């Protein structure tokens, strides 16, 4: 993700989340040394994005979303797999995220990518008071290898993730 992608990413945020991140917050992530964000394009348009923080052996997905018109086509899974590969390249061995307790579609995808529920955060989402399932994938390398067939479905330019090579 570059500064030029912020408007498109913000549009996805607004269409995907009840309490979207602000443009200011998204811009701030471009300067965050532990943050790594990628966008997914189709026909030159940004249709999805994924953000994560990588700290030592852990990666934390901060947000992942696909435009509603492009959902249920496997793009979220491809984007998550690409993010796993990048996290592993920075030394992460495991990955975590929070997901709304009612978001069963996302939970199913995370389960297919070897995440399991390992905690619950009551009233995590302040907009509705809804809880969040805390999910972990404790073996990124195994999941990356198991889902290697996804790599042919997307172009991953890991250079865009590398610290110091982001457009700010």
N, C-alpha and C. Protein backbone atom coordinates (compact mmCIF):
# COMPACT_ATOMS: atom_id res chain seq x y z
N UNK A 1 0.85 -1.17 0.00
CA UNK A 1 0.00 0.00 0.00
C UNK A 1 0.89 1.23 0.00
N UNK A 2 0.55 2.16 -0.84
CA UNK A 2 1.27 3.43 -0.89
C UNK A 2 0.28 4.56 -0.58
N UNK A 3 0.82 5.75 -0.48
CA UNK A 3 -0.02 6.92 -0.22
C UNK A 3 -1.10 7.05 -1.30
N UNK A 4 -0.78 6.71 -2.52
CA UNK A 4 -1.73 6.80 -3.63
C UNK A 4 -2.91 5.83 -3.48
N UNK A 5 -2.75 4.79 -2.66
CA UNK A 5 -3.81 3.78 -2.46
C UNK A 5 -4.79 4.15 -1.34
N UNK A 6 -4.48 5.17 -0.56
CA UNK A 6 -5.25 5.45 0.66
C UNK A 6 -6.73 5.70 0.37
N UNK A 7 -7.06 6.47 -0.65
CA UNK A 7 -8.47 6.74 -0.94
C UNK A 7 -9.23 5.45 -1.25
N UNK A 8 -8.63 4.58 -2.06
CA UNK A 8 -9.28 3.31 -2.40
C UNK A 8 -9.40 2.41 -1.18
N UNK A 9 -8.37 2.35 -0.36
CA UNK A 9 -8.40 1.53 0.85
C UNK A 9 -9.46 2.07 1.82
N UNK A 10 -9.54 3.38 1.92
CA UNK A 10 -10.55 3.98 2.80
C UNK A 10 -11.96 3.65 2.30
N UNK A 11 -12.16 3.66 1.01
CA UNK A 11 -13.47 3.27 0.45
C UNK A 11 -13.81 1.84 0.86
N UNK A 12 -12.84 0.95 0.80
CA UNK A 12 -13.07 -0.44 1.22
C UNK A 12 -13.39 -0.49 2.71
N UNK A 13 -12.67 0.28 3.51
CA UNK A 13 -12.92 0.36 4.95
C UNK A 13 -14.37 0.74 5.23
N UNK A 14 -14.82 1.81 4.58
CA UNK A 14 -16.17 2.33 4.81
C UNK A 14 -17.24 1.31 4.40
N UNK A 15 -16.98 0.60 3.31
CA UNK A 15 -17.94 -0.38 2.83
C UNK A 15 -17.89 -1.70 3.60
N UNK A 16 -16.85 -1.90 4.40
CA UNK A 16 -16.65 -3.18 5.06
C UNK A 16 -16.87 -3.17 6.57
N UNK A 17 -16.66 -2.04 7.21
CA UNK A 17 -16.66 -2.00 8.66
C UNK A 17 -17.59 -0.93 9.22
N UNK A 18 -18.23 -1.23 10.33
CA UNK A 18 -19.12 -0.27 10.99
C UNK A 18 -18.34 0.92 11.54
N UNK A 19 -17.14 0.66 12.00
CA UNK A 19 -16.27 1.73 12.53
C UNK A 19 -14.96 1.71 11.75
N UNK A 20 -14.98 2.28 10.55
CA UNK A 20 -13.78 2.22 9.70
C UNK A 20 -12.63 3.05 10.27
N UNK A 21 -11.42 2.61 9.91
CA UNK A 21 -10.26 3.41 10.24
C UNK A 21 -10.34 4.70 9.43
N UNK A 22 -9.82 5.77 9.96
CA UNK A 22 -9.80 7.05 9.24
C UNK A 22 -8.67 7.04 8.21
N UNK A 23 -8.76 7.95 7.26
CA UNK A 23 -7.66 8.11 6.29
C UNK A 23 -6.38 8.45 7.02
N UNK A 24 -6.50 9.29 8.06
CA UNK A 24 -5.33 9.68 8.84
C UNK A 24 -4.65 8.46 9.48
N UNK A 25 -5.46 7.55 10.02
CA UNK A 25 -4.92 6.34 10.64
C UNK A 25 -4.23 5.46 9.59
N UNK A 26 -4.86 5.33 8.43
CA UNK A 26 -4.26 4.52 7.36
C UNK A 26 -2.94 5.13 6.89
N UNK A 27 -2.91 6.44 6.75
CA UNK A 27 -1.65 7.11 6.37
C UNK A 27 -0.58 6.89 7.42
N UNK A 28 -0.98 6.90 8.69
CA UNK A 28 -0.03 6.67 9.78
C UNK A 28 0.62 5.31 9.71
N UNK A 29 -0.11 4.32 9.21
CA UNK A 29 0.44 2.97 9.09
C UNK A 29 1.59 2.92 8.09
N UNK A 30 1.62 3.83 7.13
CA UNK A 30 2.72 3.86 6.17
C UNK A 30 4.04 4.22 6.84
N UNK A 31 3.95 4.89 7.98
CA UNK A 31 5.16 5.30 8.73
C UNK A 31 5.47 4.39 9.90
N UNK A 32 4.59 3.44 10.17
CA UNK A 32 4.75 2.52 11.30
C UNK A 32 5.77 1.44 10.90
N UNK A 33 6.87 1.39 11.61
CA UNK A 33 7.97 0.49 11.22
C UNK A 33 7.61 -0.99 11.33
N UNK A 34 6.60 -1.36 12.09
CA UNK A 34 6.22 -2.77 12.21
C UNK A 34 5.03 -3.13 11.33
N UNK A 35 4.45 -2.12 10.66
CA UNK A 35 3.27 -2.34 9.83
C UNK A 35 3.65 -2.73 8.41
N UNK A 36 2.87 -3.64 7.85
CA UNK A 36 3.06 -4.10 6.47
C UNK A 36 1.66 -4.22 5.86
N UNK A 37 1.42 -3.45 4.81
CA UNK A 37 0.12 -3.43 4.16
C UNK A 37 0.27 -3.76 2.68
N UNK A 38 -0.69 -4.51 2.18
CA UNK A 38 -0.72 -4.84 0.76
C UNK A 38 -2.11 -4.56 0.22
N UNK A 39 -2.15 -4.17 -1.03
CA UNK A 39 -3.43 -4.02 -1.71
C UNK A 39 -3.54 -5.10 -2.78
N UNK A 40 -4.77 -5.46 -3.07
CA UNK A 40 -5.05 -6.41 -4.15
C UNK A 40 -5.76 -5.65 -5.25
N UNK A 41 -5.25 -5.78 -6.47
CA UNK A 41 -5.84 -5.09 -7.60
C UNK A 41 -6.44 -6.08 -8.59
N UNK A 42 -7.47 -5.62 -9.24
CA UNK A 42 -8.09 -6.36 -10.34
C UNK A 42 -8.40 -5.34 -11.42
N UNK A 43 -7.86 -5.58 -12.61
CA UNK A 43 -8.04 -4.65 -13.73
C UNK A 43 -7.64 -3.23 -13.36
N UNK A 44 -6.58 -3.10 -12.57
CA UNK A 44 -6.05 -1.79 -12.21
C UNK A 44 -6.74 -1.10 -11.05
N UNK A 45 -7.80 -1.71 -10.51
CA UNK A 45 -8.52 -1.12 -9.39
C UNK A 45 -8.22 -1.88 -8.10
N UNK A 46 -8.08 -1.16 -7.00
CA UNK A 46 -7.87 -1.79 -5.70
C UNK A 46 -9.20 -2.39 -5.26
N UNK A 47 -9.20 -3.71 -5.03
CA UNK A 47 -10.42 -4.39 -4.60
C UNK A 47 -10.32 -4.95 -3.18
N UNK A 48 -9.12 -4.91 -2.61
CA UNK A 48 -8.94 -5.43 -1.26
C UNK A 48 -7.61 -4.99 -0.69
N UNK A 49 -7.48 -5.20 0.59
CA UNK A 49 -6.20 -4.90 1.24
C UNK A 49 -6.10 -5.69 2.53
N UNK A 50 -4.87 -5.82 2.99
CA UNK A 50 -4.61 -6.49 4.26
C UNK A 50 -3.48 -5.76 4.95
N UNK A 51 -3.65 -5.54 6.24
CA UNK A 51 -2.61 -4.92 7.04
C UNK A 51 -2.23 -5.81 8.21
N UNK A 52 -0.98 -5.76 8.58
CA UNK A 52 -0.52 -6.54 9.74
C UNK A 52 0.66 -5.84 10.37
N UNK A 53 0.87 -6.17 11.61
CA UNK A 53 2.05 -5.76 12.34
C UNK A 53 2.87 -7.02 12.59
N UNK A 54 4.15 -6.94 12.35
CA UNK A 54 5.04 -8.07 12.60
C UNK A 54 6.03 -7.67 13.69
N UNK A 55 5.96 -8.40 14.79
CA UNK A 55 6.85 -8.18 15.93
C UNK A 55 7.49 -9.51 16.32
N UNK A 56 8.77 -9.61 16.08
CA UNK A 56 9.52 -10.81 16.40
C UNK A 56 8.92 -12.02 15.69
N UNK A 57 8.46 -13.02 16.44
CA UNK A 57 7.95 -14.25 15.80
C UNK A 57 6.44 -14.22 15.58
N UNK A 58 5.80 -13.08 15.88
CA UNK A 58 4.34 -12.99 15.75
C UNK A 58 3.92 -11.92 14.75
N UNK A 59 2.87 -12.24 14.01
CA UNK A 59 2.23 -11.26 13.13
C UNK A 59 0.80 -11.09 13.61
N UNK A 60 0.32 -9.87 13.60
CA UNK A 60 -1.05 -9.58 14.02
C UNK A 60 -1.77 -8.89 12.86
N UNK A 61 -2.80 -9.56 12.33
CA UNK A 61 -3.60 -8.94 11.27
C UNK A 61 -4.40 -7.80 11.90
N UNK A 62 -4.19 -6.60 11.40
CA UNK A 62 -4.92 -5.44 11.91
C UNK A 62 -6.23 -5.25 11.17
N UNK A 63 -6.21 -5.51 9.88
CA UNK A 63 -7.43 -5.41 9.09
C UNK A 63 -7.22 -6.12 7.74
N UNK A 64 -8.31 -6.69 7.27
CA UNK A 64 -8.32 -7.34 5.96
C UNK A 64 -9.74 -7.20 5.42
N UNK A 65 -9.84 -6.76 4.17
CA UNK A 65 -11.17 -6.55 3.60
C UNK A 65 -11.11 -6.59 2.08
N UNK A 66 -12.21 -7.05 1.51
CA UNK A 66 -12.41 -7.09 0.06
C UNK A 66 -13.67 -6.29 -0.22
N UNK A 67 -13.68 -5.53 -1.32
CA UNK A 67 -14.90 -4.82 -1.70
C UNK A 67 -16.07 -5.80 -1.79
N UNK A 68 -17.23 -5.40 -1.32
CA UNK A 68 -18.39 -6.30 -1.33
C UNK A 68 -18.66 -6.96 -2.69
N UNK A 69 -18.51 -6.23 -3.77
CA UNK A 69 -18.79 -6.79 -5.10
C UNK A 69 -17.82 -7.89 -5.50
N UNK A 70 -16.70 -8.02 -4.80
CA UNK A 70 -15.68 -9.01 -5.16
C UNK A 70 -15.54 -10.12 -4.12
N UNK A 71 -16.41 -10.13 -3.14
CA UNK A 71 -16.32 -11.16 -2.09
C UNK A 71 -16.81 -12.51 -2.60
N UNK A 72 -16.45 -13.54 -1.86
CA UNK A 72 -16.85 -14.93 -2.16
C UNK A 72 -16.22 -15.45 -3.45
N UNK A 73 -15.06 -14.89 -3.81
CA UNK A 73 -14.31 -15.34 -4.98
C UNK A 73 -12.94 -15.86 -4.63
N UNK A 74 -12.65 -16.00 -3.35
CA UNK A 74 -11.35 -16.50 -2.91
C UNK A 74 -10.28 -15.44 -2.76
N UNK A 75 -10.62 -14.17 -3.01
CA UNK A 75 -9.60 -13.12 -2.93
C UNK A 75 -9.10 -12.91 -1.50
N UNK A 76 -9.98 -13.00 -0.52
CA UNK A 76 -9.56 -12.83 0.86
C UNK A 76 -8.55 -13.89 1.27
N UNK A 77 -8.80 -15.10 0.84
CA UNK A 77 -7.88 -16.21 1.15
C UNK A 77 -6.52 -15.99 0.47
N UNK A 78 -6.55 -15.53 -0.77
CA UNK A 78 -5.30 -15.26 -1.48
C UNK A 78 -4.53 -14.14 -0.79
N UNK A 79 -5.23 -13.10 -0.39
CA UNK A 79 -4.59 -11.97 0.28
C UNK A 79 -4.02 -12.38 1.63
N UNK A 80 -4.75 -13.20 2.36
CA UNK A 80 -4.26 -13.70 3.65
C UNK A 80 -3.02 -14.57 3.45
N UNK A 81 -3.05 -15.43 2.44
CA UNK A 81 -1.89 -16.28 2.15
C UNK A 81 -0.67 -15.44 1.80
N UNK A 82 -0.87 -14.43 0.97
CA UNK A 82 0.24 -13.54 0.61
C UNK A 82 0.79 -12.86 1.85
N UNK A 83 -0.09 -12.43 2.73
CA UNK A 83 0.35 -11.77 3.96
C UNK A 83 1.11 -12.74 4.86
N UNK A 84 0.68 -13.98 4.89
CA UNK A 84 1.41 -15.00 5.67
C UNK A 84 2.82 -15.17 5.14
N UNK A 85 2.96 -15.19 3.82
CA UNK A 85 4.29 -15.34 3.23
C UNK A 85 5.19 -14.16 3.61
N UNK A 86 4.63 -12.97 3.55
CA UNK A 86 5.41 -11.78 3.91
C UNK A 86 5.78 -11.82 5.39
N UNK A 87 4.80 -12.16 6.24
CA UNK A 87 5.08 -12.26 7.68
C UNK A 87 6.22 -13.24 7.95
N UNK A 88 6.17 -14.38 7.28
CA UNK A 88 7.22 -15.38 7.46
C UNK A 88 8.57 -14.84 6.98
N UNK A 89 8.56 -14.05 5.93
CA UNK A 89 9.83 -13.50 5.42
C UNK A 89 10.45 -12.52 6.42
N UNK A 90 9.64 -11.97 7.31
CA UNK A 90 10.13 -11.08 8.36
C UNK A 90 10.36 -11.82 9.67
N UNK A 91 10.28 -13.16 9.64
CA UNK A 91 10.60 -13.96 10.81
C UNK A 91 9.42 -14.42 11.63
N UNK A 92 8.20 -14.08 11.23
CA UNK A 92 7.03 -14.52 12.00
C UNK A 92 6.82 -16.02 11.83
N UNK A 93 6.51 -16.67 12.91
CA UNK A 93 6.22 -18.11 12.91
C UNK A 93 4.74 -18.38 13.16
N UNK A 94 4.04 -17.36 13.69
CA UNK A 94 2.62 -17.52 14.00
C UNK A 94 1.91 -16.19 13.71
N UNK A 95 0.58 -16.28 13.63
CA UNK A 95 -0.22 -15.10 13.30
C UNK A 95 -1.50 -15.12 14.13
N UNK A 96 -1.95 -13.93 14.51
CA UNK A 96 -3.17 -13.79 15.29
C UNK A 96 -4.06 -12.71 14.69
N UNK A 97 -5.33 -12.74 15.09
CA UNK A 97 -6.30 -11.73 14.68
C UNK A 97 -7.52 -11.83 15.56
N UNK A 98 -8.33 -10.78 15.54
CA UNK A 98 -9.63 -10.80 16.19
C UNK A 98 -10.68 -10.73 15.09
N UNK A 99 -11.80 -11.44 15.31
CA UNK A 99 -12.90 -11.43 14.34
C UNK A 99 -14.21 -11.34 15.12
N UNK A 100 -15.15 -10.57 14.58
CA UNK A 100 -16.46 -10.45 15.24
C UNK A 100 -17.07 -11.83 15.46
N UNK A 101 -17.67 -12.00 16.61
CA UNK A 101 -18.26 -13.30 16.93
C UNK A 101 -19.36 -13.70 15.96
N UNK A 102 -19.98 -12.74 15.28
CA UNK A 102 -21.05 -13.06 14.33
C UNK A 102 -20.57 -13.18 12.88
N UNK A 103 -19.31 -12.92 12.62
CA UNK A 103 -18.80 -12.95 11.25
C UNK A 103 -18.37 -14.39 10.90
N UNK A 104 -19.35 -15.22 10.67
CA UNK A 104 -19.08 -16.65 10.43
C UNK A 104 -18.39 -16.89 9.09
N UNK A 105 -18.62 -16.04 8.11
CA UNK A 105 -17.95 -16.21 6.81
C UNK A 105 -16.45 -16.03 6.97
N UNK A 106 -16.04 -14.96 7.67
CA UNK A 106 -14.61 -14.75 7.91
C UNK A 106 -14.04 -15.86 8.78
N UNK A 107 -14.78 -16.28 9.81
CA UNK A 107 -14.29 -17.35 10.68
C UNK A 107 -14.04 -18.63 9.90
N UNK A 108 -14.92 -18.92 8.95
CA UNK A 108 -14.75 -20.12 8.12
C UNK A 108 -13.46 -20.02 7.29
N UNK A 109 -13.23 -18.85 6.68
CA UNK A 109 -12.01 -18.67 5.90
C UNK A 109 -10.77 -18.82 6.79
N UNK A 110 -10.80 -18.21 7.97
CA UNK A 110 -9.65 -18.32 8.87
C UNK A 110 -9.43 -19.78 9.28
N UNK A 111 -10.50 -20.50 9.51
CA UNK A 111 -10.37 -21.92 9.83
C UNK A 111 -9.72 -22.70 8.70
N UNK A 112 -10.09 -22.37 7.47
CA UNK A 112 -9.48 -23.04 6.31
C UNK A 112 -7.99 -22.71 6.20
N UNK A 113 -7.59 -21.59 6.81
CA UNK A 113 -6.19 -21.19 6.80
C UNK A 113 -5.52 -21.51 8.14
N UNK A 114 -6.06 -22.53 8.84
CA UNK A 114 -5.47 -23.12 10.04
C UNK A 114 -5.48 -22.22 11.27
N UNK A 115 -6.38 -21.26 11.32
CA UNK A 115 -6.57 -20.48 12.54
C UNK A 115 -7.56 -21.22 13.41
N UNK A 116 -7.37 -21.15 14.71
CA UNK A 116 -8.33 -21.74 15.65
C UNK A 116 -8.59 -20.72 16.76
N UNK A 117 -9.80 -20.78 17.29
CA UNK A 117 -10.17 -19.87 18.37
C UNK A 117 -9.40 -20.25 19.62
N UNK A 118 -8.73 -19.26 20.20
CA UNK A 118 -7.96 -19.51 21.40
C UNK A 118 -8.18 -18.42 22.44
N UNK A 119 -9.36 -17.82 22.38
CA UNK A 119 -9.71 -16.80 23.35
C UNK A 119 -10.91 -16.02 22.88
N UNK A 120 -11.42 -15.22 23.77
CA UNK A 120 -12.59 -14.40 23.45
C UNK A 120 -12.45 -13.07 24.18
N UNK A 121 -12.72 -11.99 23.48
CA UNK A 121 -12.66 -10.65 24.08
C UNK A 121 -14.09 -10.10 24.17
N UNK A 122 -14.62 -10.02 25.37
CA UNK A 122 -15.97 -9.50 25.57
C UNK A 122 -16.03 -8.03 25.18
N UNK A 123 -17.13 -7.63 24.54
CA UNK A 123 -17.40 -6.24 24.18
C UNK A 123 -16.21 -5.57 23.48
N UNK A 124 -15.50 -6.32 22.66
CA UNK A 124 -14.31 -5.82 21.97
C UNK A 124 -14.66 -4.70 21.00
N UNK A 125 -15.77 -4.84 20.30
CA UNK A 125 -16.18 -3.85 19.31
C UNK A 125 -17.09 -2.82 19.98
N UNK A 126 -16.57 -1.62 20.14
CA UNK A 126 -17.29 -0.59 20.87
C UNK A 126 -18.51 -0.08 20.12
N UNK A 127 -18.56 -0.26 18.80
CA UNK A 127 -19.70 0.24 18.04
C UNK A 127 -20.98 -0.55 18.32
N UNK A 128 -20.85 -1.82 18.67
CA UNK A 128 -22.03 -2.65 18.92
C UNK A 128 -21.98 -3.38 20.27
N UNK A 129 -20.84 -3.35 20.90
CA UNK A 129 -20.67 -4.11 22.13
C UNK A 129 -20.43 -5.60 21.90
N UNK A 130 -20.28 -5.95 20.64
CA UNK A 130 -20.08 -7.35 20.27
C UNK A 130 -18.69 -7.83 20.68
N UNK A 131 -18.61 -9.11 20.98
CA UNK A 131 -17.34 -9.72 21.34
C UNK A 131 -16.53 -10.13 20.11
N UNK A 132 -15.27 -10.44 20.35
CA UNK A 132 -14.37 -10.88 19.29
C UNK A 132 -13.76 -12.22 19.65
N UNK A 133 -13.72 -13.09 18.68
CA UNK A 133 -12.98 -14.34 18.84
C UNK A 133 -11.52 -14.03 18.56
N UNK A 134 -10.66 -14.47 19.45
CA UNK A 134 -9.22 -14.34 19.27
C UNK A 134 -8.75 -15.63 18.61
N UNK A 135 -8.20 -15.50 17.41
CA UNK A 135 -7.80 -16.68 16.65
C UNK A 135 -6.30 -16.65 16.39
N UNK A 136 -5.71 -17.84 16.37
CA UNK A 136 -4.28 -17.99 16.15
C UNK A 136 -4.01 -19.06 15.10
N UNK A 137 -2.99 -18.80 14.32
CA UNK A 137 -2.35 -19.82 13.50
C UNK A 137 -0.96 -19.95 14.10
N UNK A 138 -0.67 -21.10 14.68
CA UNK A 138 0.60 -21.29 15.40
C UNK A 138 1.72 -21.84 14.52
N UNK A 139 1.43 -22.12 13.24
CA UNK A 139 2.46 -22.66 12.35
C UNK A 139 2.27 -22.11 10.94
N UNK A 140 2.74 -20.88 10.74
CA UNK A 140 2.57 -20.23 9.44
C UNK A 140 3.20 -21.03 8.31
N UNK A 141 4.39 -21.54 8.52
CA UNK A 141 5.10 -22.24 7.45
C UNK A 141 4.28 -23.43 6.93
N UNK A 142 3.68 -24.17 7.84
CA UNK A 142 2.87 -25.31 7.45
C UNK A 142 1.68 -24.86 6.59
N UNK A 143 1.03 -23.78 7.00
CA UNK A 143 -0.12 -23.27 6.24
C UNK A 143 0.31 -22.74 4.88
N UNK A 144 1.42 -22.04 4.84
CA UNK A 144 1.94 -21.51 3.57
C UNK A 144 2.19 -22.66 2.60
N UNK A 145 2.86 -23.69 3.07
CA UNK A 145 3.18 -24.84 2.21
C UNK A 145 1.91 -25.58 1.79
N UNK A 146 0.99 -25.78 2.72
CA UNK A 146 -0.25 -26.50 2.43
C UNK A 146 -1.09 -25.79 1.37
N UNK A 147 -0.99 -24.47 1.33
CA UNK A 147 -1.80 -23.66 0.41
C UNK A 147 -0.96 -23.05 -0.71
N UNK A 148 0.14 -23.69 -1.05
CA UNK A 148 1.02 -23.17 -2.09
C UNK A 148 0.30 -22.97 -3.42
N UNK A 149 -0.75 -23.73 -3.66
CA UNK A 149 -1.50 -23.60 -4.91
C UNK A 149 -2.09 -22.20 -5.06
N UNK A 150 -2.30 -21.49 -3.97
CA UNK A 150 -2.84 -20.12 -4.04
C UNK A 150 -1.86 -19.14 -4.65
N UNK A 151 -0.57 -19.44 -4.57
CA UNK A 151 0.44 -18.51 -5.06
C UNK A 151 0.28 -18.21 -6.54
N UNK A 152 -0.14 -19.18 -7.31
CA UNK A 152 -0.33 -18.97 -8.74
C UNK A 152 -1.51 -18.09 -9.06
N UNK A 153 -2.36 -17.82 -8.06
CA UNK A 153 -3.56 -17.03 -8.29
C UNK A 153 -3.35 -15.54 -8.03
N UNK A 154 -2.23 -15.18 -7.48
CA UNK A 154 -1.99 -13.77 -7.22
C UNK A 154 -0.54 -13.42 -7.53
N UNK A 155 -0.32 -12.15 -7.78
CA UNK A 155 1.02 -11.63 -7.94
C UNK A 155 1.41 -11.01 -6.61
N UNK A 156 2.49 -11.47 -6.06
CA UNK A 156 2.97 -10.91 -4.80
C UNK A 156 4.29 -10.23 -5.06
N UNK A 157 4.29 -8.94 -4.92
CA UNK A 157 5.54 -8.21 -5.03
C UNK A 157 5.97 -7.85 -3.63
N UNK A 158 6.71 -8.73 -3.01
CA UNK A 158 7.07 -8.55 -1.60
C UNK A 158 7.90 -7.29 -1.40
N UNK A 159 8.47 -6.73 -2.45
CA UNK A 159 9.23 -5.50 -2.30
C UNK A 159 8.36 -4.39 -1.73
N UNK A 160 7.07 -4.42 -2.07
CA UNK A 160 6.16 -3.37 -1.58
C UNK A 160 5.99 -3.43 -0.07
N UNK A 161 6.28 -4.56 0.53
CA UNK A 161 6.15 -4.72 1.97
C UNK A 161 7.42 -4.31 2.71
N UNK A 162 8.52 -4.27 2.01
CA UNK A 162 9.79 -4.11 2.71
C UNK A 162 9.92 -2.73 3.34
N UNK A 163 10.37 -2.75 4.54
CA UNK A 163 10.59 -1.52 5.30
C UNK A 163 11.54 -0.63 4.53
N UNK A 164 11.20 0.63 4.48
CA UNK A 164 12.08 1.60 3.83
C UNK A 164 11.82 1.77 2.35
N UNK A 165 11.00 0.93 1.77
CA UNK A 165 10.74 1.05 0.34
C UNK A 165 9.31 1.47 0.07
N UNK A 166 8.64 1.96 1.12
CA UNK A 166 7.26 2.41 0.96
C UNK A 166 7.25 3.85 0.50
N UNK A 167 6.23 4.20 -0.26
CA UNK A 167 6.03 5.58 -0.66
C UNK A 167 5.34 6.27 0.50
N UNK A 168 5.87 7.39 0.95
CA UNK A 168 5.23 8.11 2.06
C UNK A 168 4.91 9.52 1.66
